[in-house]
Structures are given as structure tokens and as C-alpha cells.
Amino acid sequence: MHCPFCHNPDSRVVDTRIADDGASIRRRRACTSCKRRFTTLETSSFQVVKRAGVVEPFSRNKVVSGVKKACQGRPVSDDDLAILAQQVEEQLRLTGVSNVSSDEVGKAILPFLRDLDEIAYLRFASVYRAFNTLEDFEEAIRILRERNKDNASASTSGSHSSSKTKKALSNREILDSLLDS
């Protein structure tokens, strides 16, 4: 690391801490020549390879903007989308590779979006998976229904249902009305 003051190529690390965001390391350094101190911030390289072969840094903002279109008119907050983008990034980083394809990013988005809002999931999946026919939609809806049925049977029985179950029921009603129209 070159000293920003005297441009000496040698410095020593005085202190190392994890930055507030948890995704980078803050190092306090001292120049061996001029003795002045400076701070560096180190982050891991995480790149997305687009379909055309272009490589660019991973951006949570791009994940949010892509998913936001599918969430228009849905009860999904900006905070929900920020959390989803963070979950997607964490999931992709767990793979241990520094370059992921845009296709892998889309695949990583789908399960988190399905848990967040099923209608937004269907909208996103219809574009991402290039649904061409009504049968494609019907198949995706059938899978969602089976998943909801499995989740409902796995949950405890009783008169009190969770807010997630209520949300699933309201989404199921919306899906039914879409199929009936």
C-alpha cells in the first residue's frame, strides 16, 4: 500500500477491525518513511458475469431495482427489498466463488422473493424464466399451492394462525381469482 502523503510503497498495519457493514475490513496503517497514519478499507471482490460476457461488480441496488418492478402495487416495503438483496448477496457469497453469472443471481432471488410475496415471485419468475404460455403460469401456481399446502399441514393446528399463514391465504385467494378470470 502506497502512503497517500509521501507515496512510499511500504507501510505497516497498526490496527485491524471489521467495518460497520460487516462486509469489509478497516485497517489503520503507518507509513515507514514519513510516520503518518492513514486508513484503508478492504473488501472482497464479487463480480457478476452478464449474458453478453461483460463483468461488473455485484450491486444490491441492481437486485432491488429488478425486484422492485415485480413488487409494484404489492405490500412490499423498501426495507423488505433491502433485506432480500442482502440475503441474495449472502447466499451467493456462500458459494465461495468470486464471479457469478447473472443467471445465478436470478436463481438466488427466486426463493427469497417467493417467501416475501408470491405474486411478486410469479411476476419475476414469468420474466426470468421466460413464461411463454398459460401452462407455464399454471405450473408455477400449482407448485406454489403445493408448497402452501405443505406449509399449512406442517404448522400447528388451532384457531390462531400466524400472520405468514394469513398472508399465504390472501395470496392464494388472489391466485385463485387470477386463474378464474
N, C-alpha and C. Protein backbone atom coordinates (compact mmCIF):
# COMPACT_ATOMS: atom_id res chain seq x y z
N MET A 1 0.85 -1.18 0.00
CA MET A 1 0.00 0.00 0.00
C MET A 1 0.89 1.23 0.00
N HIS A 2 0.70 2.11 -0.96
CA HIS A 2 1.46 3.36 -1.04
C HIS A 2 0.91 4.38 -0.07
N CYS A 3 1.80 5.07 0.61
CA CYS A 3 1.40 6.13 1.53
C CYS A 3 0.76 7.27 0.73
N PRO A 4 -0.41 7.74 1.13
CA PRO A 4 -1.06 8.83 0.37
C PRO A 4 -0.35 10.18 0.55
N PHE A 5 0.56 10.27 1.52
CA PHE A 5 1.24 11.53 1.79
C PHE A 5 2.59 11.63 1.08
N CYS A 6 3.44 10.59 1.25
CA CYS A 6 4.78 10.64 0.65
C CYS A 6 4.98 9.62 -0.47
N HIS A 7 3.97 8.80 -0.73
CA HIS A 7 3.95 7.79 -1.78
C HIS A 7 4.98 6.68 -1.58
N ASN A 8 5.46 6.52 -0.36
CA ASN A 8 6.36 5.42 -0.02
C ASN A 8 5.57 4.11 -0.19
N PRO A 9 6.15 3.10 -0.85
CA PRO A 9 5.39 1.86 -1.09
C PRO A 9 5.30 0.94 0.13
N ASP A 10 5.86 1.34 1.25
CA ASP A 10 5.87 0.45 2.42
C ASP A 10 5.11 1.08 3.59
N SER A 11 4.24 0.32 4.19
CA SER A 11 3.51 0.75 5.38
C SER A 11 3.29 -0.47 6.27
N ARG A 12 3.01 -0.21 7.53
CA ARG A 12 2.74 -1.32 8.42
C ARG A 12 1.33 -1.16 8.99
N VAL A 13 0.69 -2.28 9.28
CA VAL A 13 -0.67 -2.26 9.82
C VAL A 13 -0.57 -2.06 11.33
N VAL A 14 -1.29 -1.02 11.82
CA VAL A 14 -1.30 -0.70 13.25
C VAL A 14 -2.52 -1.32 13.93
N ASP A 15 -3.66 -1.33 13.23
CA ASP A 15 -4.92 -1.81 13.80
C ASP A 15 -5.78 -2.38 12.69
N THR A 16 -6.50 -3.46 12.97
CA THR A 16 -7.43 -4.07 12.02
C THR A 16 -8.76 -4.30 12.70
N ARG A 17 -9.84 -3.86 12.04
CA ARG A 17 -11.20 -4.06 12.56
C ARG A 17 -12.15 -4.37 11.42
N ILE A 18 -13.21 -5.07 11.77
CA ILE A 18 -14.27 -5.29 10.79
C ILE A 18 -15.10 -4.02 10.73
N ALA A 19 -15.38 -3.55 9.51
CA ALA A 19 -16.16 -2.32 9.33
C ALA A 19 -17.60 -2.54 9.78
N ASP A 20 -18.32 -1.43 9.96
CA ASP A 20 -19.70 -1.50 10.45
C ASP A 20 -20.60 -2.34 9.57
N ASP A 21 -20.37 -2.32 8.26
CA ASP A 21 -21.24 -3.09 7.36
C ASP A 21 -20.97 -4.59 7.42
N GLY A 22 -19.87 -5.00 8.05
CA GLY A 22 -19.55 -6.41 8.19
C GLY A 22 -19.00 -7.04 6.93
N ALA A 23 -18.97 -6.30 5.82
CA ALA A 23 -18.52 -6.85 4.56
C ALA A 23 -17.12 -6.36 4.18
N SER A 24 -16.50 -5.58 5.03
CA SER A 24 -15.18 -5.06 4.72
C SER A 24 -14.33 -4.97 5.99
N ILE A 25 -13.05 -4.80 5.77
CA ILE A 25 -12.10 -4.70 6.88
C ILE A 25 -11.44 -3.32 6.84
N ARG A 26 -11.42 -2.68 7.98
CA ARG A 26 -10.80 -1.36 8.11
C ARG A 26 -9.42 -1.57 8.72
N ARG A 27 -8.39 -1.06 8.04
CA ARG A 27 -7.03 -1.18 8.56
C ARG A 27 -6.45 0.21 8.77
N ARG A 28 -5.86 0.41 9.92
CA ARG A 28 -5.15 1.64 10.25
C ARG A 28 -3.69 1.35 9.99
N ARG A 29 -3.05 2.15 9.15
CA ARG A 29 -1.68 1.92 8.72
C ARG A 29 -0.79 3.09 9.10
N ALA A 30 0.52 2.81 9.22
CA ALA A 30 1.52 3.85 9.47
C ALA A 30 2.60 3.72 8.41
N CYS A 31 2.95 4.83 7.79
CA CYS A 31 3.99 4.85 6.77
C CYS A 31 5.34 4.65 7.47
N THR A 32 6.19 3.79 6.89
CA THR A 32 7.51 3.54 7.48
C THR A 32 8.48 4.67 7.21
N SER A 33 8.14 5.54 6.24
CA SER A 33 9.04 6.64 5.90
C SER A 33 8.67 7.93 6.64
N CYS A 34 7.45 8.45 6.40
CA CYS A 34 7.05 9.73 7.00
C CYS A 34 6.35 9.58 8.34
N LYS A 35 6.04 8.34 8.73
CA LYS A 35 5.41 8.02 10.03
C LYS A 35 3.96 8.50 10.15
N ARG A 36 3.37 9.04 9.11
CA ARG A 36 1.97 9.49 9.17
C ARG A 36 1.06 8.27 9.07
N ARG A 37 -0.12 8.42 9.63
CA ARG A 37 -1.09 7.32 9.64
C ARG A 37 -2.21 7.58 8.64
N PHE A 38 -2.75 6.49 8.12
CA PHE A 38 -3.89 6.57 7.21
C PHE A 38 -4.70 5.29 7.32
N THR A 39 -5.92 5.34 6.82
CA THR A 39 -6.85 4.22 6.93
C THR A 39 -7.14 3.65 5.55
N THR A 40 -7.19 2.33 5.48
CA THR A 40 -7.62 1.67 4.24
C THR A 40 -8.85 0.82 4.54
N LEU A 41 -9.63 0.59 3.53
CA LEU A 41 -10.83 -0.23 3.64
C LEU A 41 -10.71 -1.34 2.61
N GLU A 42 -10.74 -2.57 3.04
CA GLU A 42 -10.59 -3.71 2.15
C GLU A 42 -11.91 -4.45 2.02
N THR A 43 -12.29 -4.72 0.79
CA THR A 43 -13.50 -5.50 0.54
C THR A 43 -13.14 -6.65 -0.40
N SER A 44 -13.92 -7.70 -0.33
CA SER A 44 -13.68 -8.82 -1.23
C SER A 44 -14.29 -8.52 -2.59
N SER A 45 -13.65 -9.02 -3.60
CA SER A 45 -14.13 -8.81 -4.95
C SER A 45 -15.26 -9.80 -5.24
N PHE A 46 -16.37 -9.29 -5.70
CA PHE A 46 -17.52 -10.14 -6.03
C PHE A 46 -18.12 -9.60 -7.31
N GLN A 47 -18.01 -10.35 -8.39
CA GLN A 47 -18.38 -9.88 -9.72
C GLN A 47 -19.55 -10.68 -10.29
N VAL A 48 -20.30 -10.02 -11.16
CA VAL A 48 -21.39 -10.68 -11.88
C VAL A 48 -21.03 -10.69 -13.36
N VAL A 49 -21.12 -11.87 -13.96
CA VAL A 49 -20.86 -12.02 -15.39
C VAL A 49 -22.20 -11.98 -16.11
N LYS A 50 -22.40 -10.94 -16.90
CA LYS A 50 -23.66 -10.77 -17.63
C LYS A 50 -23.74 -11.74 -18.81
N ARG A 51 -24.90 -11.88 -19.39
CA ARG A 51 -25.10 -12.81 -20.51
C ARG A 51 -24.21 -12.48 -21.69
N ALA A 52 -23.94 -11.19 -21.91
CA ALA A 52 -23.11 -10.77 -23.04
C ALA A 52 -21.62 -10.93 -22.74
N GLY A 53 -21.29 -11.41 -21.52
CA GLY A 53 -19.90 -11.61 -21.16
C GLY A 53 -19.27 -10.45 -20.41
N VAL A 54 -20.00 -9.36 -20.26
CA VAL A 54 -19.50 -8.20 -19.52
C VAL A 54 -19.46 -8.54 -18.04
N VAL A 55 -18.37 -8.14 -17.38
CA VAL A 55 -18.21 -8.40 -15.95
C VAL A 55 -18.33 -7.08 -15.21
N GLU A 56 -19.16 -7.06 -14.16
CA GLU A 56 -19.32 -5.85 -13.36
C GLU A 56 -19.47 -6.24 -11.89
N PRO A 57 -19.18 -5.30 -10.99
CA PRO A 57 -19.31 -5.62 -9.56
C PRO A 57 -20.75 -5.93 -9.18
N PHE A 58 -20.94 -6.84 -8.23
CA PHE A 58 -22.28 -7.14 -7.73
C PHE A 58 -22.85 -5.88 -7.08
N SER A 59 -24.12 -5.63 -7.32
CA SER A 59 -24.76 -4.45 -6.75
C SER A 59 -26.10 -4.84 -6.14
N ARG A 60 -26.22 -4.60 -4.83
CA ARG A 60 -27.51 -4.84 -4.18
C ARG A 60 -28.57 -3.94 -4.78
N ASN A 61 -28.18 -2.73 -5.18
CA ASN A 61 -29.14 -1.79 -5.76
C ASN A 61 -29.75 -2.34 -7.05
N LYS A 62 -28.95 -3.06 -7.84
CA LYS A 62 -29.49 -3.66 -9.06
C LYS A 62 -30.48 -4.77 -8.74
N VAL A 63 -30.19 -5.53 -7.70
CA VAL A 63 -31.13 -6.58 -7.27
C VAL A 63 -32.44 -5.92 -6.85
N VAL A 64 -32.34 -4.86 -6.03
CA VAL A 64 -33.54 -4.17 -5.56
C VAL A 64 -34.33 -3.60 -6.73
N SER A 65 -33.65 -2.93 -7.67
CA SER A 65 -34.38 -2.31 -8.79
C SER A 65 -35.05 -3.36 -9.67
N GLY A 66 -34.40 -4.51 -9.85
CA GLY A 66 -35.00 -5.57 -10.65
C GLY A 66 -36.22 -6.18 -9.98
N VAL A 67 -36.13 -6.39 -8.69
CA VAL A 67 -37.23 -6.99 -7.95
C VAL A 67 -38.35 -5.97 -7.72
N LYS A 68 -37.99 -4.70 -7.60
CA LYS A 68 -38.97 -3.65 -7.32
C LYS A 68 -40.05 -3.60 -8.41
N LYS A 69 -39.66 -3.85 -9.64
CA LYS A 69 -40.63 -3.86 -10.75
C LYS A 69 -41.68 -4.94 -10.55
N ALA A 70 -41.24 -6.10 -10.06
CA ALA A 70 -42.18 -7.20 -9.81
C ALA A 70 -43.06 -6.92 -8.60
N CYS A 71 -42.61 -6.04 -7.72
CA CYS A 71 -43.34 -5.75 -6.48
C CYS A 71 -44.26 -4.53 -6.59
N GLN A 72 -44.35 -3.93 -7.76
CA GLN A 72 -45.21 -2.75 -7.90
C GLN A 72 -46.65 -3.11 -7.53
N GLY A 73 -47.23 -2.28 -6.65
CA GLY A 73 -48.60 -2.48 -6.23
C GLY A 73 -48.77 -3.57 -5.18
N ARG A 74 -47.68 -4.11 -4.70
CA ARG A 74 -47.73 -5.16 -3.69
C ARG A 74 -47.32 -4.58 -2.34
N PRO A 75 -47.74 -5.18 -1.24
CA PRO A 75 -47.39 -4.67 0.09
C PRO A 75 -45.96 -5.05 0.51
N VAL A 76 -44.99 -4.59 -0.27
CA VAL A 76 -43.58 -4.88 -0.01
C VAL A 76 -42.86 -3.54 0.18
N SER A 77 -42.20 -3.39 1.31
CA SER A 77 -41.53 -2.12 1.61
C SER A 77 -40.10 -2.10 1.05
N ASP A 78 -39.52 -0.90 1.03
CA ASP A 78 -38.13 -0.77 0.60
C ASP A 78 -37.20 -1.52 1.55
N ASP A 79 -37.55 -1.54 2.82
CA ASP A 79 -36.75 -2.29 3.80
C ASP A 79 -36.78 -3.79 3.48
N ASP A 80 -37.96 -4.29 3.10
CA ASP A 80 -38.08 -5.70 2.72
C ASP A 80 -37.17 -6.01 1.53
N LEU A 81 -37.13 -5.09 0.56
CA LEU A 81 -36.30 -5.30 -0.63
C LEU A 81 -34.82 -5.23 -0.29
N ALA A 82 -34.45 -4.33 0.62
CA ALA A 82 -33.05 -4.24 1.04
C ALA A 82 -32.61 -5.52 1.74
N ILE A 83 -33.48 -6.07 2.56
CA ILE A 83 -33.17 -7.33 3.25
C ILE A 83 -33.05 -8.46 2.23
N LEU A 84 -33.95 -8.48 1.26
CA LEU A 84 -33.90 -9.50 0.22
C LEU A 84 -32.56 -9.42 -0.53
N ALA A 85 -32.14 -8.22 -0.90
CA ALA A 85 -30.88 -8.05 -1.62
C ALA A 85 -29.69 -8.52 -0.78
N GLN A 86 -29.74 -8.25 0.51
CA GLN A 86 -28.68 -8.69 1.41
C GLN A 86 -28.67 -10.22 1.48
N GLN A 87 -29.84 -10.83 1.59
CA GLN A 87 -29.93 -12.29 1.65
C GLN A 87 -29.39 -12.92 0.36
N VAL A 88 -29.71 -12.31 -0.77
CA VAL A 88 -29.23 -12.82 -2.06
C VAL A 88 -27.71 -12.75 -2.11
N GLU A 89 -27.15 -11.59 -1.71
CA GLU A 89 -25.70 -11.45 -1.72
C GLU A 89 -25.04 -12.48 -0.80
N GLU A 90 -25.57 -12.64 0.40
CA GLU A 90 -25.01 -13.60 1.34
C GLU A 90 -25.07 -15.01 0.77
N GLN A 91 -26.20 -15.35 0.15
CA GLN A 91 -26.35 -16.69 -0.44
C GLN A 91 -25.32 -16.91 -1.55
N LEU A 92 -25.10 -15.91 -2.38
CA LEU A 92 -24.15 -16.03 -3.48
C LEU A 92 -22.71 -16.09 -2.96
N ARG A 93 -22.41 -15.32 -1.92
CA ARG A 93 -21.06 -15.34 -1.35
C ARG A 93 -20.75 -16.70 -0.70
N LEU A 94 -21.79 -17.37 -0.21
CA LEU A 94 -21.59 -18.69 0.40
C LEU A 94 -21.10 -19.73 -0.61
N THR A 95 -21.29 -19.46 -1.89
CA THR A 95 -20.82 -20.39 -2.91
C THR A 95 -19.30 -20.43 -2.95
N GLY A 96 -18.65 -19.36 -2.46
CA GLY A 96 -17.20 -19.32 -2.40
C GLY A 96 -16.51 -18.90 -3.69
N VAL A 97 -17.28 -18.54 -4.69
CA VAL A 97 -16.68 -18.10 -5.95
C VAL A 97 -16.75 -16.58 -6.04
N SER A 98 -15.80 -15.98 -6.76
CA SER A 98 -15.78 -14.52 -6.86
C SER A 98 -16.56 -14.01 -8.06
N ASN A 99 -16.82 -14.88 -9.03
CA ASN A 99 -17.61 -14.49 -10.21
C ASN A 99 -18.85 -15.38 -10.30
N VAL A 100 -20.02 -14.75 -10.39
CA VAL A 100 -21.27 -15.50 -10.59
C VAL A 100 -21.96 -14.97 -11.83
N SER A 101 -22.71 -15.81 -12.47
CA SER A 101 -23.44 -15.39 -13.66
C SER A 101 -24.72 -14.66 -13.25
N SER A 102 -25.22 -13.83 -14.14
CA SER A 102 -26.47 -13.13 -13.86
C SER A 102 -27.61 -14.13 -13.71
N ASP A 103 -27.49 -15.28 -14.36
CA ASP A 103 -28.48 -16.34 -14.22
C ASP A 103 -28.50 -16.88 -12.79
N GLU A 104 -27.32 -17.03 -12.19
CA GLU A 104 -27.24 -17.49 -10.80
C GLU A 104 -27.84 -16.45 -9.84
N VAL A 105 -27.66 -15.18 -10.16
CA VAL A 105 -28.24 -14.12 -9.33
C VAL A 105 -29.76 -14.24 -9.36
N GLY A 106 -30.32 -14.43 -10.55
CA GLY A 106 -31.77 -14.59 -10.68
C GLY A 106 -32.28 -15.81 -9.93
N LYS A 107 -31.55 -16.93 -10.01
CA LYS A 107 -31.94 -18.14 -9.27
C LYS A 107 -31.88 -17.91 -7.77
N ALA A 108 -30.91 -17.12 -7.33
CA ALA A 108 -30.78 -16.84 -5.89
C ALA A 108 -31.91 -15.93 -5.40
N ILE A 109 -32.43 -15.07 -6.26
CA ILE A 109 -33.51 -14.15 -5.89
C ILE A 109 -34.83 -14.90 -5.68
N LEU A 110 -35.10 -15.87 -6.51
CA LEU A 110 -36.42 -16.53 -6.53
C LEU A 110 -36.90 -17.07 -5.18
N PRO A 111 -36.13 -17.84 -4.44
CA PRO A 111 -36.68 -18.37 -3.17
C PRO A 111 -36.97 -17.29 -2.14
N PHE A 112 -36.12 -16.26 -2.08
CA PHE A 112 -36.35 -15.18 -1.12
C PHE A 112 -37.57 -14.36 -1.51
N LEU A 113 -37.76 -14.14 -2.81
CA LEU A 113 -38.92 -13.38 -3.28
C LEU A 113 -40.20 -14.19 -3.08
N ARG A 114 -40.13 -15.50 -3.28
CA ARG A 114 -41.30 -16.36 -3.06
C ARG A 114 -41.76 -16.27 -1.61
N ASP A 115 -40.80 -16.25 -0.68
CA ASP A 115 -41.15 -16.15 0.74
C ASP A 115 -41.67 -14.76 1.09
N LEU A 116 -41.22 -13.75 0.37
CA LEU A 116 -41.63 -12.38 0.64
C LEU A 116 -43.03 -12.08 0.10
N ASP A 117 -43.28 -12.43 -1.16
CA ASP A 117 -44.58 -12.14 -1.78
C ASP A 117 -44.75 -13.04 -3.00
N GLU A 118 -45.74 -13.90 -2.97
CA GLU A 118 -45.94 -14.88 -4.03
C GLU A 118 -46.32 -14.26 -5.37
N ILE A 119 -47.08 -13.19 -5.35
CA ILE A 119 -47.47 -12.55 -6.60
C ILE A 119 -46.25 -11.91 -7.26
N ALA A 120 -45.45 -11.21 -6.47
CA ALA A 120 -44.22 -10.62 -6.99
C ALA A 120 -43.30 -11.73 -7.51
N TYR A 121 -43.27 -12.85 -6.80
CA TYR A 121 -42.49 -14.00 -7.25
C TYR A 121 -42.94 -14.46 -8.63
N LEU A 122 -44.26 -14.61 -8.81
CA LEU A 122 -44.78 -15.03 -10.11
C LEU A 122 -44.43 -14.04 -11.21
N ARG A 123 -44.54 -12.75 -10.91
CA ARG A 123 -44.19 -11.73 -11.89
C ARG A 123 -42.72 -11.84 -12.28
N PHE A 124 -41.85 -11.93 -11.27
CA PHE A 124 -40.42 -12.01 -11.53
C PHE A 124 -40.09 -13.30 -12.28
N ALA A 125 -40.65 -14.41 -11.82
CA ALA A 125 -40.37 -15.70 -12.45
C ALA A 125 -40.87 -15.74 -13.89
N SER A 126 -41.98 -15.08 -14.16
CA SER A 126 -42.52 -15.10 -15.52
C SER A 126 -41.56 -14.43 -16.50
N VAL A 127 -40.85 -13.41 -16.06
CA VAL A 127 -39.87 -12.76 -16.92
C VAL A 127 -38.56 -13.53 -16.89
N TYR A 128 -38.09 -13.85 -15.69
CA TYR A 128 -36.80 -14.51 -15.53
C TYR A 128 -36.78 -15.88 -16.22
N ARG A 129 -37.83 -16.64 -16.03
CA ARG A 129 -37.89 -17.99 -16.62
C ARG A 129 -38.56 -17.98 -17.99
N ALA A 130 -38.90 -16.80 -18.48
CA ALA A 130 -39.48 -16.61 -19.82
C ALA A 130 -40.72 -17.48 -20.03
N PHE A 131 -41.74 -17.29 -19.18
CA PHE A 131 -43.00 -17.99 -19.37
C PHE A 131 -43.57 -17.59 -20.74
N ASN A 132 -43.95 -18.60 -21.52
CA ASN A 132 -44.48 -18.33 -22.86
C ASN A 132 -45.96 -18.67 -22.99
N THR A 133 -46.46 -19.50 -22.08
CA THR A 133 -47.84 -19.94 -22.20
C THR A 133 -48.54 -19.85 -20.85
N LEU A 134 -49.85 -19.98 -20.89
CA LEU A 134 -50.62 -20.03 -19.66
C LEU A 134 -50.26 -21.26 -18.84
N GLU A 135 -49.86 -22.33 -19.51
CA GLU A 135 -49.47 -23.54 -18.81
C GLU A 135 -48.24 -23.30 -17.93
N ASP A 136 -47.34 -22.43 -18.39
CA ASP A 136 -46.18 -22.09 -17.57
C ASP A 136 -46.62 -21.43 -16.26
N PHE A 137 -47.57 -20.50 -16.37
CA PHE A 137 -48.10 -19.84 -15.17
C PHE A 137 -48.84 -20.85 -14.29
N GLU A 138 -49.67 -21.69 -14.91
CA GLU A 138 -50.43 -22.67 -14.15
C GLU A 138 -49.51 -23.62 -13.39
N GLU A 139 -48.42 -24.03 -14.01
CA GLU A 139 -47.46 -24.91 -13.35
C GLU A 139 -46.81 -24.22 -12.16
N ALA A 140 -46.41 -22.96 -12.32
CA ALA A 140 -45.80 -22.20 -11.22
C ALA A 140 -46.81 -22.02 -10.08
N ILE A 141 -48.06 -21.76 -10.41
CA ILE A 141 -49.11 -21.60 -9.40
C ILE A 141 -49.38 -22.92 -8.69
N ARG A 142 -49.38 -24.01 -9.45
CA ARG A 142 -49.59 -25.33 -8.86
C ARG A 142 -48.49 -25.64 -7.83
N ILE A 143 -47.26 -25.33 -8.18
CA ILE A 143 -46.14 -25.56 -7.26
C ILE A 143 -46.28 -24.70 -6.01
N LEU A 144 -46.70 -23.44 -6.18
CA LEU A 144 -46.92 -22.56 -5.02
C LEU A 144 -48.03 -23.11 -4.13
N ARG A 145 -49.10 -23.59 -4.74
CA ARG A 145 -50.20 -24.15 -3.96
C ARG A 145 -49.76 -25.37 -3.16
N GLU A 146 -48.99 -26.25 -3.79
CA GLU A 146 -48.50 -27.43 -3.09
C GLU A 146 -47.60 -27.04 -1.93
N ARG A 147 -46.78 -26.04 -2.16
CA ARG A 147 -45.88 -25.56 -1.10
C ARG A 147 -46.69 -24.97 0.06
N ASN A 148 -47.72 -24.19 -0.26
CA ASN A 148 -48.58 -23.62 0.78
C ASN A 148 -49.32 -24.71 1.54
N LYS A 149 -49.78 -25.73 0.81
CA LYS A 149 -50.49 -26.84 1.44
C LYS A 149 -49.55 -27.58 2.39
N ASP A 150 -48.31 -27.82 1.95
CA ASP A 150 -47.32 -28.50 2.80
C ASP A 150 -47.01 -27.66 4.03
N ASN A 151 -46.87 -26.34 3.85
CA ASN A 151 -46.58 -25.45 4.98
C ASN A 151 -47.75 -25.40 5.96
N ALA A 152 -48.97 -25.41 5.42
CA ALA A 152 -50.15 -25.35 6.28
C ALA A 152 -50.29 -26.64 7.10
N SER A 153 -50.02 -27.77 6.49
CA SER A 153 -50.14 -29.04 7.22
C SER A 153 -49.00 -29.21 8.22
N ALA A 154 -47.86 -28.59 7.95
CA ALA A 154 -46.73 -28.68 8.87
C ALA A 154 -46.89 -27.76 10.08
N SER A 155 -47.67 -26.70 9.91
CA SER A 155 -47.85 -25.77 11.04
C SER A 155 -48.80 -26.38 12.07
N THR A 156 -48.74 -25.87 13.26
CA THR A 156 -49.58 -26.41 14.33
C THR A 156 -51.04 -26.10 14.06
N SER A 157 -51.88 -27.02 14.44
CA SER A 157 -53.31 -26.80 14.25
C SER A 157 -53.84 -26.00 15.43
N GLY A 158 -54.91 -25.27 15.20
CA GLY A 158 -55.50 -24.45 16.25
C GLY A 158 -56.24 -23.29 15.63
N SER A 159 -56.86 -22.53 16.47
CA SER A 159 -57.66 -21.41 15.96
C SER A 159 -56.82 -20.20 15.65
N HIS A 160 -55.60 -20.11 16.21
CA HIS A 160 -54.74 -18.96 15.95
C HIS A 160 -53.80 -19.29 14.81
N SER A 161 -53.86 -18.49 13.76
CA SER A 161 -52.94 -18.70 12.65
C SER A 161 -51.95 -17.55 12.59
N SER A 162 -50.76 -17.86 12.11
CA SER A 162 -49.72 -16.83 12.05
C SER A 162 -50.02 -15.82 10.96
N SER A 163 -49.35 -14.67 11.03
CA SER A 163 -49.55 -13.64 10.00
C SER A 163 -49.05 -14.13 8.66
N LYS A 164 -47.99 -14.99 8.66
CA LYS A 164 -47.47 -15.53 7.41
C LYS A 164 -48.51 -16.44 6.76
N THR A 165 -49.22 -17.24 7.57
CA THR A 165 -50.27 -18.11 7.04
C THR A 165 -51.41 -17.27 6.49
N LYS A 166 -51.78 -16.22 7.21
CA LYS A 166 -52.83 -15.33 6.71
C LYS A 166 -52.43 -14.70 5.39
N LYS A 167 -51.13 -14.30 5.30
CA LYS A 167 -50.64 -13.71 4.06
C LYS A 167 -50.70 -14.73 2.93
N ALA A 168 -50.32 -16.00 3.24
CA ALA A 168 -50.36 -17.05 2.23
C ALA A 168 -51.80 -17.28 1.77
N LEU A 169 -52.74 -17.25 2.72
CA LEU A 169 -54.13 -17.44 2.34
C LEU A 169 -54.61 -16.32 1.45
N SER A 170 -54.27 -15.08 1.78
CA SER A 170 -54.72 -13.97 0.94
C SER A 170 -54.07 -14.05 -0.43
N ASN A 171 -52.81 -14.47 -0.49
CA ASN A 171 -52.15 -14.64 -1.78
C ASN A 171 -52.80 -15.78 -2.57
N ARG A 172 -53.19 -16.84 -1.86
CA ARG A 172 -53.86 -17.95 -2.53
C ARG A 172 -55.18 -17.48 -3.13
N GLU A 173 -55.92 -16.65 -2.41
CA GLU A 173 -57.17 -16.11 -2.94
C GLU A 173 -56.92 -15.28 -4.19
N ILE A 174 -55.85 -14.52 -4.18
CA ILE A 174 -55.51 -13.71 -5.35
C ILE A 174 -55.16 -14.63 -6.53
N LEU A 175 -54.37 -15.67 -6.24
CA LEU A 175 -54.02 -16.61 -7.30
C LEU A 175 -55.27 -17.28 -7.87
N ASP A 176 -56.19 -17.68 -7.00
CA ASP A 176 -57.44 -18.30 -7.46
C ASP A 176 -58.22 -17.36 -8.37
N SER A 177 -58.28 -16.07 -7.96
CA SER A 177 -59.03 -15.12 -8.78
C SER A 177 -58.35 -14.89 -10.12
N LEU A 178 -57.02 -14.98 -10.16
CA LEU A 178 -56.31 -14.83 -11.43
C LEU A 178 -56.61 -15.99 -12.35
N LEU A 179 -56.68 -17.19 -11.79
CA LEU A 179 -56.98 -18.35 -12.61
C LEU A 179 -58.43 -18.36 -13.11
N ASP A 180 -59.33 -17.85 -12.28
CA ASP A 180 -60.76 -17.86 -12.65
C ASP A 180 -61.09 -16.81 -13.70
N SER A 181 -60.29 -15.74 -13.77
CA SER A 181 -60.64 -14.66 -14.72
C SER A 181 -60.09 -14.91 -16.10
